[in-house]
Amino acid sequence: MRKLIAFDDETMTALTQLGRDRMATIQDLADEAFADLLKKHGVPVDLKDALRKSAGAKRKKS
């Protein structure tokens, strides 16, 4: 799925430079940033994370 996100010029310049320094695309940086944000708020990123979180919740109840 594609979504359009706007950045101010300074932020885009910084992201572009970071991408060059790390040999990553803007998409790579965005994927990492959103995965970190979801993790911070306890939202599973993928099925593996969801299953791990679900199994952890069941163990705590027992």
PDB file of N, CA and C in Angstrom:
ATOM      1  N   MET A   1       0.849  -1.165   0.000  1.00  0.00           N
ATOM      2  CA  MET A   1       0.000   0.000   0.000  1.00  0.00           C
ATOM      3  C   MET A   1       0.904   1.241   0.000  1.00  0.00           C
ATOM      4  N   ARG A   2       0.544   2.197  -0.768  1.00  0.00           N
ATOM      5  CA  ARG A   2       1.326   3.430  -0.835  1.00  0.00           C
ATOM      6  C   ARG A   2       0.560   4.575  -0.194  1.00  0.00           C
ATOM      7  N   LYS A   3       1.290   5.381   0.552  1.00  0.00           N
ATOM      8  CA  LYS A   3       0.749   6.592   1.168  1.00  0.00           C
ATOM      9  C   LYS A   3       1.735   7.713   0.920  1.00  0.00           C
ATOM     10  N   LEU A   4       1.250   8.905   0.808  1.00  0.00           N
ATOM     11  CA  LEU A   4       2.088  10.074   0.587  1.00  0.00           C
ATOM     12  C   LEU A   4       2.332  10.779   1.915  1.00  0.00           C
ATOM     13  N   ILE A   5       3.602  11.015   2.225  1.00  0.00           N
ATOM     14  CA  ILE A   5       3.975  11.718   3.447  1.00  0.00           C
ATOM     15  C   ILE A   5       4.822  12.910   3.053  1.00  0.00           C
ATOM     16  N   ALA A   6       4.522  14.079   3.609  1.00  0.00           N
ATOM     17  CA  ALA A   6       5.271  15.300   3.277  1.00  0.00           C
ATOM     18  C   ALA A   6       6.263  15.615   4.392  1.00  0.00           C
ATOM     19  N   PHE A   7       7.456  16.048   3.993  1.00  0.00           N
ATOM     20  CA  PHE A   7       8.488  16.478   4.925  1.00  0.00           C
ATOM     21  C   PHE A   7       8.904  17.896   4.568  1.00  0.00           C
ATOM     22  N   ASP A   8       9.310  18.657   5.581  1.00  0.00           N
ATOM     23  CA  ASP A   8       9.864  19.971   5.277  1.00  0.00           C
ATOM     24  C   ASP A   8      11.248  19.766   4.656  1.00  0.00           C
ATOM     25  N   ASP A   9      11.775  20.814   4.029  1.00  0.00           N
ATOM     26  CA  ASP A   9      13.041  20.697   3.302  1.00  0.00           C
ATOM     27  C   ASP A   9      14.193  20.232   4.181  1.00  0.00           C
ATOM     28  N   GLU A  10      14.297  20.758   5.398  1.00  0.00           N
ATOM     29  CA  GLU A  10      15.401  20.395   6.277  1.00  0.00           C
ATOM     30  C   GLU A  10      15.345  18.923   6.676  1.00  0.00           C
ATOM     31  N   THR A  11      14.143  18.442   6.975  1.00  0.00           N
ATOM     32  CA  THR A  11      13.982  17.039   7.359  1.00  0.00           C
ATOM     33  C   THR A  11      14.324  16.124   6.194  1.00  0.00           C
ATOM     34  N   MET A  12      13.857  16.484   4.997  1.00  0.00           N
ATOM     35  CA  MET A  12      14.144  15.654   3.822  1.00  0.00           C
ATOM     36  C   MET A  12      15.631  15.626   3.521  1.00  0.00           C
ATOM     37  N   THR A  13      16.288  16.759   3.670  1.00  0.00           N
ATOM     38  CA  THR A  13      17.737  16.814   3.451  1.00  0.00           C
ATOM     39  C   THR A  13      18.455  15.917   4.456  1.00  0.00           C
ATOM     40  N   ALA A  14      18.047  15.985   5.725  1.00  0.00           N
ATOM     41  CA  ALA A  14      18.667  15.165   6.764  1.00  0.00           C
ATOM     42  C   ALA A  14      18.421  13.675   6.515  1.00  0.00           C
ATOM     43  N   LEU A  15      17.204  13.320   6.114  1.00  0.00           N
ATOM     44  CA  LEU A  15      16.897  11.920   5.821  1.00  0.00           C
ATOM     45  C   LEU A  15      17.685  11.409   4.619  1.00  0.00           C
ATOM     46  N   THR A  16      17.798  12.234   3.601  1.00  0.00           N
ATOM     47  CA  THR A  16      18.564  11.853   2.414  1.00  0.00           C
ATOM     48  C   THR A  16      20.025  11.611   2.780  1.00  0.00           C
ATOM     49  N   GLN A  17      20.599  12.498   3.585  1.00  0.00           N
ATOM     50  CA  GLN A  17      21.991  12.333   3.989  1.00  0.00           C
ATOM     51  C   GLN A  17      22.172  11.095   4.865  1.00  0.00           C
ATOM     52  N   LEU A  18      21.239  10.876   5.790  1.00  0.00           N
ATOM     53  CA  LEU A  18      21.301   9.686   6.631  1.00  0.00           C
ATOM     54  C   LEU A  18      21.237   8.426   5.773  1.00  0.00           C
ATOM     55  N   GLY A  19      20.357   8.430   4.790  1.00  0.00           N
ATOM     56  CA  GLY A  19      20.254   7.296   3.880  1.00  0.00           C
ATOM     57  C   GLY A  19      21.555   7.048   3.142  1.00  0.00           C
ATOM     58  N   ARG A  20      22.193   8.109   2.680  1.00  0.00           N
ATOM     59  CA  ARG A  20      23.484   7.961   1.997  1.00  0.00           C
ATOM     60  C   ARG A  20      24.536   7.405   2.947  1.00  0.00           C
ATOM     61  N   ASP A  21      24.584   7.945   4.156  1.00  0.00           N
ATOM     62  CA  ASP A  21      25.578   7.504   5.137  1.00  0.00           C
ATOM     63  C   ASP A  21      25.406   6.024   5.488  1.00  0.00           C
ATOM     64  N   ARG A  22      24.176   5.573   5.540  1.00  0.00           N
ATOM     65  CA  ARG A  22      23.887   4.188   5.930  1.00  0.00           C
ATOM     66  C   ARG A  22      23.659   3.280   4.730  1.00  0.00           C
ATOM     67  N   MET A  23      23.789   3.839   3.531  1.00  0.00           N
ATOM     68  CA  MET A  23      23.515   3.104   2.285  1.00  0.00           C
ATOM     69  C   MET A  23      22.115   2.474   2.336  1.00  0.00           C
ATOM     70  N   ALA A  24      21.136   3.302   2.692  1.00  0.00           N
ATOM     71  CA  ALA A  24      19.749   2.872   2.806  1.00  0.00           C
ATOM     72  C   ALA A  24      18.865   3.838   2.020  1.00  0.00           C
ATOM     73  N   THR A  25      17.704   3.363   1.635  1.00  0.00           N
ATOM     74  CA  THR A  25      16.741   4.214   0.946  1.00  0.00           C
ATOM     75  C   THR A  25      15.862   4.915   1.976  1.00  0.00           C
ATOM     76  N   ILE A  26      15.130   5.907   1.508  1.00  0.00           N
ATOM     77  CA  ILE A  26      14.153   6.572   2.376  1.00  0.00           C
ATOM     78  C   ILE A  26      13.136   5.547   2.866  1.00  0.00           C
ATOM     79  N   GLN A  27      12.769   4.595   2.009  1.00  0.00           N
ATOM     80  CA  GLN A  27      11.829   3.539   2.403  1.00  0.00           C
ATOM     81  C   GLN A  27      12.408   2.703   3.539  1.00  0.00           C
ATOM     82  N   ASP A  28      13.688   2.351   3.464  1.00  0.00           N
ATOM     83  CA  ASP A  28      14.338   1.595   4.541  1.00  0.00           C
ATOM     84  C   ASP A  28      14.271   2.367   5.857  1.00  0.00           C
ATOM     85  N   LEU A  29      14.576   3.659   5.786  1.00  0.00           N
ATOM     86  CA  LEU A  29      14.535   4.499   6.986  1.00  0.00           C
ATOM     87  C   LEU A  29      13.114   4.584   7.550  1.00  0.00           C
ATOM     88  N   ALA A  30      12.136   4.726   6.661  1.00  0.00           N
ATOM     89  CA  ALA A  30      10.733   4.808   7.100  1.00  0.00           C
ATOM     90  C   ALA A  30      10.292   3.491   7.734  1.00  0.00           C
ATOM     91  N   ASP A  31      10.655   2.368   7.119  1.00  0.00           N
ATOM     92  CA  ASP A  31      10.296   1.062   7.682  1.00  0.00           C
ATOM     93  C   ASP A  31      10.854   0.910   9.090  1.00  0.00           C
ATOM     94  N   GLU A  32      12.118   1.281   9.261  1.00  0.00           N
ATOM     95  CA  GLU A  32      12.755   1.187  10.577  1.00  0.00           C
ATOM     96  C   GLU A  32      12.071   2.111  11.588  1.00  0.00           C
ATOM     97  N   ALA A  33      11.782   3.323  11.177  1.00  0.00           N
ATOM     98  CA  ALA A  33      11.164   4.296  12.081  1.00  0.00           C
ATOM     99  C   ALA A  33       9.773   3.852  12.517  1.00  0.00           C
ATOM    100  N   PHE A  34       8.966   3.372  11.573  1.00  0.00           N
ATOM    101  CA  PHE A  34       7.609   2.951  11.929  1.00  0.00           C
ATOM    102  C   PHE A  34       7.623   1.673  12.759  1.00  0.00           C
ATOM    103  N   ALA A  35       8.546   0.755  12.490  1.00  0.00           N
ATOM    104  CA  ALA A  35       8.661  -0.454  13.309  1.00  0.00           C
ATOM    105  C   ALA A  35       9.033  -0.075  14.745  1.00  0.00           C
ATOM    106  N   ASP A  36       9.958   0.874  14.902  1.00  0.00           N
ATOM    107  CA  ASP A  36      10.345   1.337  16.242  1.00  0.00           C
ATOM    108  C   ASP A  36       9.170   1.992  16.955  1.00  0.00           C
ATOM    109  N   LEU A  37       8.384   2.777  16.239  1.00  0.00           N
ATOM    110  CA  LEU A  37       7.226   3.450  16.831  1.00  0.00           C
ATOM    111  C   LEU A  37       6.187   2.429  17.302  1.00  0.00           C
ATOM    112  N   LEU A  38       5.908   1.440  16.467  1.00  0.00           N
ATOM    113  CA  LEU A  38       4.948   0.404  16.849  1.00  0.00           C
ATOM    114  C   LEU A  38       5.445  -0.382  18.054  1.00  0.00           C
ATOM    115  N   LYS A  39       6.731  -0.723  18.068  1.00  0.00           N
ATOM    116  CA  LYS A  39       7.313  -1.450  19.194  1.00  0.00           C
ATOM    117  C   LYS A  39       7.205  -0.635  20.476  1.00  0.00           C
ATOM    118  N   LYS A  40       7.485   0.662  20.380  1.00  0.00           N
ATOM    119  CA  LYS A  40       7.409   1.553  21.540  1.00  0.00           C
ATOM    120  C   LYS A  40       6.023   1.522  22.172  1.00  0.00           C
ATOM    121  N   HIS A  41       4.989   1.393  21.343  1.00  0.00           N
ATOM    122  CA  HIS A  41       3.610   1.411  21.828  1.00  0.00           C
ATOM    123  C   HIS A  41       3.022   0.008  22.007  1.00  0.00           C
ATOM    124  N   GLY A  42       3.881  -1.011  21.896  1.00  0.00           N
ATOM    125  CA  GLY A  42       3.445  -2.377  22.151  1.00  0.00           C
ATOM    126  C   GLY A  42       2.564  -2.975  21.079  1.00  0.00           C
ATOM    127  N   VAL A  43       2.645  -2.458  19.866  1.00  0.00           N
ATOM    128  CA  VAL A  43       1.851  -2.984  18.757  1.00  0.00           C
ATOM    129  C   VAL A  43       2.730  -3.942  17.958  1.00  0.00           C
ATOM    130  N   PRO A  44       2.290  -5.204  17.786  1.00  0.00           N
ATOM    131  CA  PRO A  44       3.096  -6.161  17.024  1.00  0.00           C
ATOM    132  C   PRO A  44       3.311  -5.684  15.585  1.00  0.00           C
ATOM    133  N   VAL A  45       4.544  -5.866  15.097  1.00  0.00           N
ATOM    134  CA  VAL A  45       4.893  -5.418  13.750  1.00  0.00           C
ATOM    135  C   VAL A  45       4.510  -6.472  12.713  1.00  0.00           C
ATOM    136  N   ASP A  46       4.647  -7.740  13.077  1.00  0.00           N
ATOM    137  CA  ASP A  46       4.349  -8.819  12.137  1.00  0.00           C
ATOM    138  C   ASP A  46       3.724  -9.990  12.894  1.00  0.00           C
ATOM    139  N   LEU A  47       3.427 -11.043  12.179  1.00  0.00           N
ATOM    140  CA  LEU A  47       2.773 -12.205  12.782  1.00  0.00           C
ATOM    141  C   LEU A  47       3.630 -12.817  13.881  1.00  0.00           C
ATOM    142  N   LYS A  48       4.932 -12.899  13.657  1.00  0.00           N
ATOM    143  CA  LYS A  48       5.834 -13.474  14.654  1.00  0.00           C
ATOM    144  C   LYS A  48       5.770 -12.687  15.965  1.00  0.00           C
ATOM    145  N   ASP A  49       5.792 -11.366  15.867  1.00  0.00           N
ATOM    146  CA  ASP A  49       5.683 -10.523  17.066  1.00  0.00           C
ATOM    147  C   ASP A  49       4.329 -10.701  17.745  1.00  0.00           C
ATOM    148  N   ALA A  50       3.267 -10.790  16.949  1.00  0.00           N
ATOM    149  CA  ALA A  50       1.921 -10.955  17.509  1.00  0.00           C
ATOM    150  C   ALA A  50       1.812 -12.278  18.265  1.00  0.00           C
ATOM    151  N   LEU A  51       2.359 -13.347  17.696  1.00  0.00           N
ATOM    152  CA  LEU A  51       2.304 -14.650  18.363  1.00  0.00           C
ATOM    153  C   LEU A  51       3.132 -14.643  19.643  1.00  0.00           C
ATOM    154  N   ARG A  52       4.299 -14.003  19.593  1.00  0.00           N
ATOM    155  CA  ARG A  52       5.161 -13.920  20.768  1.00  0.00           C
ATOM    156  C   ARG A  52       4.446 -13.145  21.887  1.00  0.00           C
ATOM    157  N   LYS A  53       3.823 -12.031  21.506  1.00  0.00           N
ATOM    158  CA  LYS A  53       3.112 -11.219  22.498  1.00  0.00           C
ATOM    159  C   LYS A  53       1.923 -11.982  23.072  1.00  0.00           C
ATOM    160  N   SER A  54       1.205 -12.711  22.209  1.00  0.00           N
ATOM    161  CA  SER A  54       0.053 -13.480  22.646  1.00  0.00           C
ATOM    162  C   SER A  54       0.479 -14.600  23.606  1.00  0.00           C
ATOM    163  N   ALA A  55       1.567 -15.287  23.287  1.00  0.00           N
ATOM    164  CA  ALA A  55       2.064 -16.370  24.150  1.00  0.00           C
ATOM    165  C   ALA A  55       2.528 -15.806  25.484  1.00  0.00           C
ATOM    166  N   GLY A  56       3.149 -14.645  25.471  1.00  0.00           N
ATOM    167  CA  GLY A  56       3.604 -14.007  26.712  1.00  0.00           C
ATOM    168  C   GLY A  56       2.441 -13.632  27.602  1.00  0.00           C
ATOM    169  N   ALA A  57       1.354 -13.157  27.010  1.00  0.00           N
ATOM    170  CA  ALA A  57       0.171 -12.769  27.783  1.00  0.00           C
ATOM    171  C   ALA A  57      -0.480 -13.981  28.431  1.00  0.00           C
ATOM    172  N   LYS A  58      -0.491 -15.121  27.744  1.00  0.00           N
ATOM    173  CA  LYS A  58      -1.093 -16.341  28.289  1.00  0.00           C
ATOM    174  C   LYS A  58      -0.272 -16.873  29.452  1.00  0.00           C
ATOM    175  N   ARG A  59       1.063 -16.786  29.351  1.00  0.00           N
ATOM    176  CA  ARG A  59       1.924 -17.274  30.435  1.00  0.00           C
ATOM    177  C   ARG A  59       1.722 -16.464  31.702  1.00  0.00           C
ATOM    178  N   LYS A  60       1.533 -15.171  31.570  1.00  0.00           N
ATOM    179  CA  LYS A  60       1.368 -14.293  32.735  1.00  0.00           C
ATOM    180  C   LYS A  60       0.055 -14.603  33.463  1.00  0.00           C
ATOM    181  N   LYS A  61      -0.984 -15.026  32.725  1.00  0.00           N
ATOM    182  CA  LYS A  61      -2.282 -15.321  33.322  1.00  0.00           C
ATOM    183  C   LYS A  61      -2.249 -16.626  34.106  1.00  0.00           C
ATOM    184  N   SER A  62      -1.422 -17.563  33.705  1.00  0.00           N
ATOM    185  CA  SER A  62      -1.382 -18.905  34.325  1.00  0.00           C
ATOM    186  C   SER A  62      -0.745 -18.880  35.682  1.00  0.00           C
TER     187      SER A  62
END
